[in-house]
Amino acid sequence: MSKIKVIPCSGVGKVLGLLARESVLKVTQEQLPNDTETLCLAHVVTGDDEVVKKIVGARCITMDGCPKYCAKKSVEAAGGEVEYSYKVPDFIKPHRGEDHGTGTYLTEDGWKFVDELAEIMVKTANEMQEEVI
């Protein structure tokens, strides 16, 4: 069975983009490395042959940093099947007033929020795996 692709936005220089990227890395590298993998959004957008081959028809989760849905739209345009699409602002309301950091580093609150976002994607990926069985 192929791994679920979990793709974050690029959002370079923005804290919401960094939160998206770090939460996806936590899922794919620490929590579910045998069931998930991430791909570089820039390679998806530019049509890198190796990346596109991995994404076409693949079951995907995207985590965007803003309502522009760059990750979701790019993965769909490359032929990925986005089964779940999330954006960081949808989960930030309970965290108003917290300082999550900047586009280049996260604070303690930022890392706690990353853990929360990662748990959402872990739950989703586990549910997706159960659907296949």
Protein backbone atom coordinates (compact mmCIF):
# COMPACT_ATOMS: atom_id res chain seq x y z
CA MET A 1 0.00 0.00 0.00
CA SER A 2 1.40 3.40 -0.89
CA LYS A 3 1.98 6.02 1.75
CA ILE A 4 -0.48 8.85 2.27
CA LYS A 5 1.04 12.08 0.98
CA VAL A 6 0.90 14.95 3.48
CA ILE A 7 1.77 18.24 1.81
CA PRO A 8 2.19 21.62 3.54
CA CYS A 9 2.15 25.03 1.95
CA SER A 10 5.41 26.83 1.41
CA GLY A 11 4.41 30.05 3.19
CA VAL A 12 8.04 31.09 3.46
CA GLY A 13 8.56 34.03 5.80
CA LYS A 14 5.18 33.61 7.47
CA VAL A 15 4.60 32.01 10.86
CA LEU A 16 1.44 30.25 9.64
CA GLY A 17 3.42 28.63 6.84
CA LEU A 18 6.11 27.53 9.29
CA LEU A 19 3.45 26.04 11.56
CA ALA A 20 2.01 24.12 8.60
CA ARG A 21 5.42 22.79 7.52
CA GLU A 22 6.58 21.80 10.99
CA SER A 23 3.30 20.03 11.78
CA VAL A 24 3.54 18.00 8.56
CA LEU A 25 7.17 17.11 9.28
CA LYS A 26 6.18 15.94 12.76
CA VAL A 27 3.59 13.61 11.25
CA THR A 28 5.71 12.26 8.41
CA GLN A 29 9.04 11.98 10.19
CA GLU A 30 8.11 11.24 13.80
CA GLN A 31 4.56 10.02 14.28
CA LEU A 32 3.62 8.06 11.16
CA PRO A 33 6.79 7.60 9.09
CA ASN A 34 5.72 4.17 7.84
CA ASP A 35 2.30 5.35 6.64
CA THR A 36 2.90 8.90 5.42
CA GLU A 37 5.41 10.93 3.46
CA THR A 38 5.72 14.53 2.43
CA LEU A 39 6.80 16.03 -0.85
CA CYS A 40 8.23 19.46 -1.58
CA LEU A 41 5.45 21.74 -2.78
CA ALA A 42 7.88 23.60 -5.05
CA HIS A 43 8.58 20.33 -6.87
CA VAL A 44 4.84 19.68 -7.15
CA VAL A 45 4.27 23.16 -8.61
CA THR A 46 7.16 22.95 -11.07
CA GLY A 47 6.11 19.50 -12.24
CA ASP A 48 9.22 17.59 -11.15
CA ASP A 49 8.82 14.21 -12.87
CA GLU A 50 9.77 12.11 -9.84
CA VAL A 51 7.42 14.01 -7.51
CA VAL A 52 4.52 14.11 -9.95
CA LYS A 53 4.84 10.34 -10.45
CA LYS A 54 4.47 9.89 -6.68
CA ILE A 55 1.50 12.24 -6.38
CA VAL A 56 -0.69 11.30 -9.36
CA GLY A 57 -3.67 9.39 -8.00
CA ALA A 58 -2.22 9.37 -4.48
CA ARG A 59 -4.36 9.90 -1.40
CA CYS A 60 -3.35 13.26 0.06
CA ILE A 61 -3.78 15.52 3.06
CA THR A 62 -2.84 19.17 2.70
CA MET A 63 -2.11 21.74 5.41
CA ASP A 64 -2.21 25.32 4.18
CA GLY A 65 -1.11 28.36 6.15
CA CYS A 66 -3.75 30.66 4.69
CA PRO A 67 -7.08 30.67 2.81
CA LYS A 68 -5.36 30.76 -0.60
CA TYR A 69 -5.06 26.95 -0.43
CA CYS A 70 -1.84 26.87 -2.47
CA ALA A 71 -0.96 23.35 -1.33
CA LYS A 72 -4.44 21.98 -1.98
CA LYS A 73 -4.76 23.60 -5.40
CA SER A 74 -1.25 22.60 -6.47
CA VAL A 75 -1.64 18.98 -5.38
CA GLU A 76 -4.97 18.73 -7.22
CA ALA A 77 -3.46 20.33 -10.34
CA ALA A 78 -0.65 17.73 -10.26
CA GLY A 79 -3.16 14.89 -10.10
CA GLY A 80 -3.19 14.13 -6.39
CA GLU A 81 -6.43 13.13 -4.67
CA VAL A 82 -6.85 15.61 -1.80
CA GLU A 83 -9.07 13.73 0.62
CA TYR A 84 -8.56 16.18 3.49
CA SER A 85 -7.55 19.81 3.28
CA TYR A 86 -6.78 21.86 6.37
CA LYS A 87 -5.63 25.40 6.95
CA VAL A 88 -3.87 26.67 10.04
CA PRO A 89 -6.22 29.65 10.66
CA ASP A 90 -9.14 27.24 11.17
CA PHE A 91 -7.49 25.97 14.36
CA ILE A 92 -5.90 29.14 15.72
CA LYS A 93 -8.91 30.84 17.35
CA PRO A 94 -8.44 29.13 20.76
CA HIS A 95 -4.81 30.30 20.64
CA ARG A 96 -5.45 34.03 20.21
CA GLY A 97 -3.02 36.11 22.18
CA GLU A 98 -0.30 33.47 22.01
CA ASP A 99 3.00 34.30 20.37
CA HIS A 100 3.78 31.45 17.96
CA GLY A 101 7.00 32.98 16.65
CA THR A 102 7.95 34.31 13.25
CA GLY A 103 8.45 32.93 9.76
CA THR A 104 11.86 31.59 10.78
CA TYR A 105 11.45 30.27 14.32
CA LEU A 106 8.73 29.04 16.63
CA THR A 107 8.24 29.84 20.30
CA GLU A 108 7.17 27.33 22.95
CA ASP A 109 3.54 28.21 22.17
CA GLY A 110 4.26 27.68 18.48
CA TRP A 111 5.66 24.19 19.08
CA LYS A 112 2.64 23.29 21.23
CA PHE A 113 0.38 24.39 18.39
CA VAL A 114 2.45 22.29 15.95
CA ASP A 115 1.76 19.28 18.17
CA GLU A 116 -1.97 20.03 18.07
CA LEU A 117 -2.00 20.36 14.27
CA ALA A 118 0.02 17.17 13.91
CA GLU A 119 -2.45 15.24 16.06
CA ILE A 120 -5.29 16.33 13.76
CA MET A 121 -3.42 14.99 10.74
CA VAL A 122 -2.40 11.77 12.55
CA LYS A 123 -6.04 11.11 13.37
CA THR A 124 -7.02 11.79 9.76
CA ALA A 125 -4.26 9.57 8.34
CA ASN A 126 -5.22 6.75 10.69
CA GLU A 127 -8.86 7.03 9.60
CA MET A 128 -7.77 6.99 5.96
CA GLN A 129 -5.75 3.81 6.60
CA GLU A 130 -8.75 2.17 8.27
CA GLU A 131 -10.91 2.94 5.23
CA VAL A 132 -8.56 0.88 3.07
CA ILE A 133 -8.59 -2.17 5.34
